[in-house]
Amino acid sequence: MVAIYGVSGLLTVLVMLFVPAAGAMEHLKPPHEMITGWGTGHLTQFLALRTLKPFSITTIEGLVTFPSFHAALGFLFIYITRNIRFVAAPVLIVNAAMIVSTVPIGGHYLIDVICGGLVTLFAIMSVNKLDAWKVALAPTTP
């Protein structure tokens, strides 16, 4: 789990560096009373970084909108608990609700969520491949 989390986080940061996105709420600009605090907490710091203005590092709420790391973690938790009896179903329900809610409440586009899932899929495949190599390269004892 830790390896998949690390690869997911690293890949998310790398993609975010090359494809910075302000998010759906900045683009759509719904009326303020509709979105108070929903999906907009990062905009002050994001726009300050984009314009090279100073900002407070102690108040950062998160800058990643593409790919959605919320979705990546949701898929990760579903994956790692899939075979744990009495845990898999509640984790699936809670994380599926969180993944679905990132679009209307989290300020993400659907493509952000899809790419978050792809990030997790890539991380799972990478870690599984590394584990297979580690087993294949392990010395055998006679």
N, C-alpha and C. Protein backbone atom coordinates (compact mmCIF):
# COMPACT_ATOMS: atom_id res chain seq x y z
N MET A 1 0.82 -1.19 0.00
CA MET A 1 0.00 0.00 0.00
C MET A 1 0.87 1.26 0.00
N VAL A 2 1.88 1.27 0.82
CA VAL A 2 2.74 2.45 0.92
C VAL A 2 3.45 2.72 -0.40
N ALA A 3 3.90 1.66 -1.05
CA ALA A 3 4.58 1.82 -2.35
C ALA A 3 3.62 2.38 -3.39
N ILE A 4 2.41 1.85 -3.44
CA ILE A 4 1.42 2.32 -4.41
C ILE A 4 1.05 3.77 -4.11
N TYR A 5 0.89 4.09 -2.82
CA TYR A 5 0.59 5.47 -2.42
C TYR A 5 1.73 6.41 -2.87
N GLY A 6 2.96 5.99 -2.64
CA GLY A 6 4.11 6.81 -3.02
C GLY A 6 4.20 7.03 -4.52
N VAL A 7 4.01 5.96 -5.29
CA VAL A 7 4.05 6.09 -6.76
C VAL A 7 2.90 6.96 -7.24
N SER A 8 1.71 6.79 -6.67
CA SER A 8 0.55 7.62 -7.04
C SER A 8 0.81 9.09 -6.75
N GLY A 9 1.34 9.37 -5.57
CA GLY A 9 1.63 10.75 -5.20
C GLY A 9 2.68 11.37 -6.09
N LEU A 10 3.74 10.63 -6.35
CA LEU A 10 4.80 11.13 -7.21
C LEU A 10 4.30 11.39 -8.63
N LEU A 11 3.54 10.46 -9.17
CA LEU A 11 3.00 10.63 -10.51
C LEU A 11 2.02 11.80 -10.57
N THR A 12 1.19 11.94 -9.54
CA THR A 12 0.25 13.07 -9.50
C THR A 12 0.99 14.40 -9.51
N VAL A 13 2.04 14.51 -8.69
CA VAL A 13 2.82 15.74 -8.63
C VAL A 13 3.51 16.02 -9.97
N LEU A 14 4.07 14.98 -10.59
CA LEU A 14 4.73 15.18 -11.88
C LEU A 14 3.76 15.65 -12.96
N VAL A 15 2.59 15.03 -13.01
CA VAL A 15 1.59 15.46 -14.00
C VAL A 15 1.13 16.88 -13.70
N MET A 16 0.89 17.18 -12.41
CA MET A 16 0.43 18.51 -12.03
C MET A 16 1.44 19.59 -12.40
N LEU A 17 2.73 19.27 -12.30
CA LEU A 17 3.75 20.25 -12.65
C LEU A 17 3.69 20.63 -14.12
N PHE A 18 3.39 19.66 -14.97
CA PHE A 18 3.37 19.92 -16.41
C PHE A 18 1.99 20.35 -16.92
N VAL A 19 0.95 20.05 -16.16
CA VAL A 19 -0.40 20.41 -16.56
C VAL A 19 -1.12 21.07 -15.37
N PRO A 20 -0.69 22.27 -14.97
CA PRO A 20 -1.36 22.91 -13.83
C PRO A 20 -2.77 23.33 -14.22
N ALA A 21 -3.71 23.07 -13.34
CA ALA A 21 -5.11 23.41 -13.62
C ALA A 21 -5.73 24.05 -12.40
N ALA A 22 -6.47 25.12 -12.61
CA ALA A 22 -7.13 25.82 -11.51
C ALA A 22 -8.37 25.08 -11.03
N GLY A 23 -8.96 24.28 -11.87
CA GLY A 23 -10.14 23.50 -11.48
C GLY A 23 -11.42 24.04 -12.07
N ALA A 24 -12.47 23.26 -11.92
CA ALA A 24 -13.75 23.56 -12.53
C ALA A 24 -14.39 24.84 -11.96
N MET A 25 -14.27 25.04 -10.66
CA MET A 25 -14.93 26.20 -10.05
C MET A 25 -14.35 27.52 -10.55
N GLU A 26 -13.07 27.55 -10.83
CA GLU A 26 -12.45 28.77 -11.36
C GLU A 26 -12.91 29.02 -12.80
N HIS A 27 -13.06 27.98 -13.56
CA HIS A 27 -13.46 28.12 -14.96
C HIS A 27 -14.95 28.44 -15.09
N LEU A 28 -15.80 27.73 -14.33
CA LEU A 28 -17.24 27.90 -14.48
C LEU A 28 -17.77 29.13 -13.75
N LYS A 29 -17.09 29.55 -12.69
CA LYS A 29 -17.45 30.71 -11.88
C LYS A 29 -18.94 30.75 -11.51
N PRO A 30 -19.41 29.74 -10.76
CA PRO A 30 -20.81 29.78 -10.32
C PRO A 30 -20.99 30.88 -9.28
N PRO A 31 -22.24 31.29 -9.01
CA PRO A 31 -22.47 32.33 -8.00
C PRO A 31 -21.84 31.95 -6.65
N HIS A 32 -21.30 32.95 -5.97
CA HIS A 32 -20.56 32.73 -4.73
C HIS A 32 -21.39 31.96 -3.70
N GLU A 33 -22.67 32.27 -3.57
CA GLU A 33 -23.50 31.61 -2.55
C GLU A 33 -23.69 30.11 -2.83
N MET A 34 -23.42 29.68 -4.07
CA MET A 34 -23.53 28.26 -4.41
C MET A 34 -22.31 27.46 -3.98
N ILE A 35 -21.15 28.09 -3.91
CA ILE A 35 -19.92 27.31 -3.75
C ILE A 35 -19.11 27.66 -2.52
N THR A 36 -19.63 28.39 -1.59
CA THR A 36 -18.83 28.83 -0.46
C THR A 36 -17.97 27.71 0.09
N GLY A 37 -16.68 27.78 -0.22
CA GLY A 37 -15.71 26.83 0.29
C GLY A 37 -15.60 25.54 -0.50
N TRP A 38 -16.49 25.26 -1.40
CA TRP A 38 -16.46 23.99 -2.14
C TRP A 38 -15.55 24.09 -3.34
N GLY A 39 -14.45 23.41 -3.31
CA GLY A 39 -13.57 23.32 -4.45
C GLY A 39 -12.85 24.60 -4.82
N THR A 40 -12.80 25.58 -3.89
CA THR A 40 -12.16 26.85 -4.22
C THR A 40 -11.07 27.23 -3.23
N GLY A 41 -10.85 26.44 -2.20
CA GLY A 41 -9.89 26.80 -1.16
C GLY A 41 -8.46 26.94 -1.65
N HIS A 42 -8.13 26.27 -2.71
CA HIS A 42 -6.76 26.28 -3.24
C HIS A 42 -6.49 27.47 -4.16
N LEU A 43 -7.52 28.16 -4.60
CA LEU A 43 -7.34 29.16 -5.66
C LEU A 43 -6.44 30.33 -5.28
N THR A 44 -6.52 30.79 -4.05
CA THR A 44 -5.69 31.92 -3.64
C THR A 44 -4.21 31.59 -3.82
N GLN A 45 -3.80 30.45 -3.30
CA GLN A 45 -2.40 30.04 -3.43
C GLN A 45 -2.05 29.68 -4.87
N PHE A 46 -2.95 29.01 -5.57
CA PHE A 46 -2.70 28.60 -6.95
C PHE A 46 -2.46 29.82 -7.84
N LEU A 47 -3.35 30.81 -7.73
CA LEU A 47 -3.22 32.00 -8.55
C LEU A 47 -2.00 32.83 -8.15
N ALA A 48 -1.65 32.84 -6.86
CA ALA A 48 -0.43 33.53 -6.41
C ALA A 48 0.80 32.87 -7.03
N LEU A 49 0.83 31.56 -7.04
CA LEU A 49 1.96 30.85 -7.66
C LEU A 49 2.03 31.14 -9.16
N ARG A 50 0.88 31.15 -9.80
CA ARG A 50 0.83 31.37 -11.24
C ARG A 50 1.32 32.76 -11.62
N THR A 51 1.08 33.73 -10.75
CA THR A 51 1.50 35.11 -11.04
C THR A 51 2.77 35.50 -10.29
N LEU A 52 3.39 34.52 -9.62
CA LEU A 52 4.63 34.72 -8.87
C LEU A 52 4.50 35.75 -7.75
N LYS A 53 3.32 35.82 -7.13
CA LYS A 53 3.11 36.69 -5.98
C LYS A 53 3.35 35.89 -4.70
N PRO A 54 3.77 36.55 -3.64
CA PRO A 54 4.01 35.82 -2.38
C PRO A 54 2.70 35.31 -1.77
N PHE A 55 2.81 34.21 -1.05
CA PHE A 55 1.66 33.65 -0.33
C PHE A 55 2.17 32.93 0.90
N SER A 56 1.27 32.62 1.80
CA SER A 56 1.65 31.98 3.06
C SER A 56 1.65 30.46 2.90
N ILE A 57 2.77 29.85 3.17
CA ILE A 57 2.89 28.39 3.07
C ILE A 57 2.10 27.70 4.18
N THR A 58 1.81 28.39 5.26
CA THR A 58 1.08 27.78 6.37
C THR A 58 -0.41 27.65 6.12
N THR A 59 -0.92 28.31 5.08
CA THR A 59 -2.36 28.25 4.82
C THR A 59 -2.71 27.50 3.54
N ILE A 60 -1.75 26.79 2.96
CA ILE A 60 -2.02 26.05 1.73
C ILE A 60 -3.02 24.94 1.99
N GLU A 61 -4.04 24.84 1.13
CA GLU A 61 -5.07 23.82 1.27
C GLU A 61 -4.92 22.71 0.25
N GLY A 62 -4.02 22.85 -0.68
CA GLY A 62 -3.84 21.86 -1.74
C GLY A 62 -3.88 22.54 -3.08
N LEU A 63 -3.05 22.11 -3.98
CA LEU A 63 -2.95 22.78 -5.28
C LEU A 63 -3.28 21.86 -6.45
N VAL A 64 -3.44 20.59 -6.21
CA VAL A 64 -3.61 19.65 -7.31
C VAL A 64 -5.09 19.52 -7.67
N THR A 65 -5.43 19.84 -8.91
CA THR A 65 -6.77 19.57 -9.40
C THR A 65 -6.75 18.54 -10.52
N PHE A 66 -5.64 18.46 -11.23
CA PHE A 66 -5.50 17.47 -12.31
C PHE A 66 -4.17 16.76 -12.18
N PRO A 67 -4.16 15.49 -12.04
CA PRO A 67 -5.28 14.57 -11.82
C PRO A 67 -5.76 14.65 -10.37
N SER A 68 -6.96 14.18 -10.13
CA SER A 68 -7.54 14.25 -8.79
C SER A 68 -6.87 13.23 -7.86
N PHE A 69 -6.17 13.73 -6.86
CA PHE A 69 -5.54 12.83 -5.90
C PHE A 69 -6.58 12.24 -4.95
N HIS A 70 -7.71 12.96 -4.75
CA HIS A 70 -8.81 12.38 -3.98
C HIS A 70 -9.28 11.09 -4.66
N ALA A 71 -9.49 11.17 -5.96
CA ALA A 71 -9.94 9.99 -6.69
C ALA A 71 -8.87 8.90 -6.66
N ALA A 72 -7.60 9.28 -6.83
CA ALA A 72 -6.51 8.30 -6.81
C ALA A 72 -6.50 7.55 -5.48
N LEU A 73 -6.64 8.28 -4.37
CA LEU A 73 -6.64 7.63 -3.06
C LEU A 73 -7.89 6.78 -2.86
N GLY A 74 -9.03 7.26 -3.37
CA GLY A 74 -10.26 6.46 -3.27
C GLY A 74 -10.10 5.12 -3.97
N PHE A 75 -9.57 5.15 -5.18
CA PHE A 75 -9.33 3.90 -5.91
C PHE A 75 -8.30 3.04 -5.20
N LEU A 76 -7.28 3.67 -4.63
CA LEU A 76 -6.25 2.92 -3.90
C LEU A 76 -6.85 2.18 -2.71
N PHE A 77 -7.66 2.87 -1.90
CA PHE A 77 -8.25 2.23 -0.72
C PHE A 77 -9.20 1.10 -1.11
N ILE A 78 -9.93 1.30 -2.20
CA ILE A 78 -10.80 0.22 -2.69
C ILE A 78 -9.96 -0.98 -3.08
N TYR A 79 -8.86 -0.73 -3.78
CA TYR A 79 -7.99 -1.82 -4.23
C TYR A 79 -7.36 -2.57 -3.07
N ILE A 80 -6.81 -1.85 -2.10
CA ILE A 80 -6.06 -2.55 -1.04
C ILE A 80 -6.96 -3.27 -0.04
N THR A 81 -8.24 -2.91 0.01
CA THR A 81 -9.15 -3.59 0.95
C THR A 81 -10.08 -4.58 0.25
N ARG A 82 -9.89 -4.81 -1.03
CA ARG A 82 -10.83 -5.62 -1.81
C ARG A 82 -10.99 -7.05 -1.28
N ASN A 83 -10.00 -7.60 -0.62
CA ASN A 83 -10.08 -8.98 -0.14
C ASN A 83 -10.19 -9.09 1.38
N ILE A 84 -10.49 -8.00 2.05
CA ILE A 84 -10.59 -8.03 3.51
C ILE A 84 -12.07 -8.11 3.89
N ARG A 85 -12.42 -9.23 4.46
CA ARG A 85 -13.81 -9.49 4.83
C ARG A 85 -14.33 -8.44 5.80
N PHE A 86 -15.54 -8.03 5.64
CA PHE A 86 -16.26 -7.04 6.45
C PHE A 86 -15.71 -5.62 6.32
N VAL A 87 -14.65 -5.44 5.59
CA VAL A 87 -14.08 -4.11 5.39
C VAL A 87 -14.27 -3.64 3.96
N ALA A 88 -14.20 -4.55 3.02
CA ALA A 88 -14.23 -4.19 1.59
C ALA A 88 -15.50 -3.44 1.21
N ALA A 89 -16.66 -3.92 1.65
CA ALA A 89 -17.93 -3.29 1.25
C ALA A 89 -18.06 -1.86 1.79
N PRO A 90 -17.83 -1.62 3.10
CA PRO A 90 -17.93 -0.24 3.58
C PRO A 90 -16.90 0.69 2.94
N VAL A 91 -15.68 0.19 2.72
CA VAL A 91 -14.65 1.02 2.08
C VAL A 91 -15.06 1.34 0.65
N LEU A 92 -15.62 0.36 -0.05
CA LEU A 92 -16.09 0.59 -1.41
C LEU A 92 -17.18 1.65 -1.44
N ILE A 93 -18.14 1.56 -0.54
CA ILE A 93 -19.26 2.52 -0.52
C ILE A 93 -18.77 3.93 -0.21
N VAL A 94 -17.97 4.07 0.84
CA VAL A 94 -17.49 5.40 1.24
C VAL A 94 -16.60 6.02 0.17
N ASN A 95 -15.68 5.24 -0.37
CA ASN A 95 -14.76 5.80 -1.37
C ASN A 95 -15.43 6.03 -2.71
N ALA A 96 -16.38 5.19 -3.09
CA ALA A 96 -17.13 5.44 -4.32
C ALA A 96 -17.92 6.74 -4.19
N ALA A 97 -18.51 6.98 -3.02
CA ALA A 97 -19.23 8.25 -2.80
C ALA A 97 -18.27 9.44 -2.88
N MET A 98 -17.08 9.29 -2.30
CA MET A 98 -16.10 10.37 -2.35
C MET A 98 -15.63 10.62 -3.78
N ILE A 99 -15.39 9.56 -4.53
CA ILE A 99 -14.93 9.70 -5.91
C ILE A 99 -16.01 10.42 -6.74
N VAL A 100 -17.24 9.99 -6.60
CA VAL A 100 -18.34 10.61 -7.37
C VAL A 100 -18.54 12.06 -6.96
N SER A 101 -18.35 12.37 -5.68
CA SER A 101 -18.60 13.74 -5.20
C SER A 101 -17.48 14.72 -5.55
N THR A 102 -16.34 14.23 -6.02
CA THR A 102 -15.26 15.17 -6.36
C THR A 102 -15.62 16.06 -7.53
N VAL A 103 -16.53 15.62 -8.39
CA VAL A 103 -16.92 16.47 -9.52
C VAL A 103 -17.81 17.62 -9.07
N PRO A 104 -18.96 17.37 -8.43
CA PRO A 104 -19.81 18.52 -8.07
C PRO A 104 -19.35 19.31 -6.85
N ILE A 105 -18.63 18.67 -5.92
CA ILE A 105 -18.28 19.36 -4.68
C ILE A 105 -16.80 19.70 -4.61
N GLY A 106 -15.94 18.90 -5.21
CA GLY A 106 -14.50 19.09 -5.09
C GLY A 106 -13.89 20.00 -6.13
N GLY A 107 -14.69 20.51 -7.06
CA GLY A 107 -14.15 21.42 -8.04
C GLY A 107 -13.37 20.74 -9.14
N HIS A 108 -13.63 19.47 -9.39
CA HIS A 108 -12.92 18.72 -10.42
C HIS A 108 -13.81 18.53 -11.65
N TYR A 109 -13.15 18.35 -12.78
CA TYR A 109 -13.83 17.89 -13.98
C TYR A 109 -13.82 16.37 -13.96
N LEU A 110 -14.67 15.75 -14.77
CA LEU A 110 -14.70 14.30 -14.84
C LEU A 110 -13.36 13.74 -15.28
N ILE A 111 -12.68 14.41 -16.19
CA ILE A 111 -11.38 13.94 -16.67
C ILE A 111 -10.34 13.92 -15.54
N ASP A 112 -10.46 14.83 -14.57
CA ASP A 112 -9.56 14.83 -13.41
C ASP A 112 -9.71 13.53 -12.62
N VAL A 113 -10.96 13.10 -12.45
CA VAL A 113 -11.26 11.89 -11.70
C VAL A 113 -10.79 10.65 -12.48
N ILE A 114 -11.06 10.64 -13.78
CA ILE A 114 -10.63 9.52 -14.62
C ILE A 114 -9.10 9.39 -14.58
N CYS A 115 -8.40 10.51 -14.71
CA CYS A 115 -6.93 10.47 -14.67
C CYS A 115 -6.42 10.09 -13.28
N GLY A 116 -7.13 10.47 -12.23
CA GLY A 116 -6.77 10.01 -10.89
C GLY A 116 -6.84 8.49 -10.80
N GLY A 117 -7.87 7.91 -11.41
CA GLY A 117 -7.98 6.45 -11.46
C GLY A 117 -6.86 5.83 -12.28
N LEU A 118 -6.51 6.48 -13.39
CA LEU A 118 -5.41 5.97 -14.22
C LEU A 118 -4.08 6.05 -13.50
N VAL A 119 -3.88 7.10 -12.71
CA VAL A 119 -2.67 7.22 -11.90
C VAL A 119 -2.56 6.04 -10.95
N THR A 120 -3.66 5.71 -10.28
CA THR A 120 -3.65 4.59 -9.34
C THR A 120 -3.43 3.27 -10.08
N LEU A 121 -4.09 3.10 -11.22
CA LEU A 121 -3.90 1.89 -12.01
C LEU A 121 -2.43 1.73 -12.42
N PHE A 122 -1.82 2.80 -12.89
CA PHE A 122 -0.41 2.76 -13.27
C PHE A 122 0.47 2.42 -12.06
N ALA A 123 0.16 3.03 -10.91
CA ALA A 123 0.95 2.77 -9.69
C ALA A 123 0.82 1.31 -9.27
N ILE A 124 -0.39 0.77 -9.32
CA ILE A 124 -0.60 -0.64 -8.94
C ILE A 124 0.17 -1.55 -9.88
N MET A 125 0.07 -1.30 -11.18
CA MET A 125 0.78 -2.14 -12.15
C MET A 125 2.29 -2.03 -11.97
N SER A 126 2.79 -0.82 -11.71
CA SER A 126 4.23 -0.62 -11.52
C SER A 126 4.74 -1.36 -10.30
N VAL A 127 4.05 -1.21 -9.19
CA VAL A 127 4.48 -1.86 -7.94
C VAL A 127 4.39 -3.38 -8.07
N ASN A 128 3.31 -3.86 -8.70
CA ASN A 128 3.19 -5.31 -8.90
C ASN A 128 4.31 -5.84 -9.80
N LYS A 129 4.67 -5.08 -10.83
CA LYS A 129 5.76 -5.49 -11.73
C LYS A 129 7.09 -5.51 -10.97
N LEU A 130 7.33 -4.49 -10.14
CA LEU A 130 8.56 -4.46 -9.34
C LEU A 130 8.61 -5.63 -8.37
N ASP A 131 7.46 -5.97 -7.77
CA ASP A 131 7.42 -7.13 -6.87
C ASP A 131 7.74 -8.41 -7.62
N ALA A 132 7.20 -8.54 -8.83
CA ALA A 132 7.47 -9.74 -9.63
C ALA A 132 8.95 -9.83 -9.98
N TRP A 133 9.57 -8.70 -10.34
CA TRP A 133 11.00 -8.68 -10.64
C TRP A 133 11.82 -9.05 -9.41
N LYS A 134 11.40 -8.52 -8.27
CA LYS A 134 12.12 -8.81 -7.03
C LYS A 134 12.08 -10.31 -6.72
N VAL A 135 10.94 -10.93 -6.93
CA VAL A 135 10.82 -12.37 -6.69
C VAL A 135 11.64 -13.14 -7.71
N ALA A 136 11.59 -12.71 -8.97
CA ALA A 136 12.33 -13.41 -10.03
C ALA A 136 13.83 -13.29 -9.85
N LEU A 137 14.30 -12.18 -9.33
CA LEU A 137 15.73 -11.94 -9.18
C LEU A 137 16.29 -12.41 -7.84
N ALA A 138 15.39 -12.85 -6.95
CA ALA A 138 15.83 -13.29 -5.62
C ALA A 138 16.66 -14.55 -5.76
N PRO A 139 17.74 -14.62 -5.00
CA PRO A 139 18.57 -15.84 -5.07
C PRO A 139 17.81 -17.03 -4.52
N THR A 140 17.98 -18.15 -5.17
CA THR A 140 17.34 -19.36 -4.70
C THR A 140 18.26 -20.12 -3.77
N THR A 141 17.72 -20.70 -2.75
CA THR A 141 18.51 -21.48 -1.81
C THR A 141 18.36 -22.95 -2.12
N PRO A 142 19.48 -23.66 -2.21
CA PRO A 142 19.40 -25.08 -2.53
C PRO A 142 18.88 -25.92 -1.39
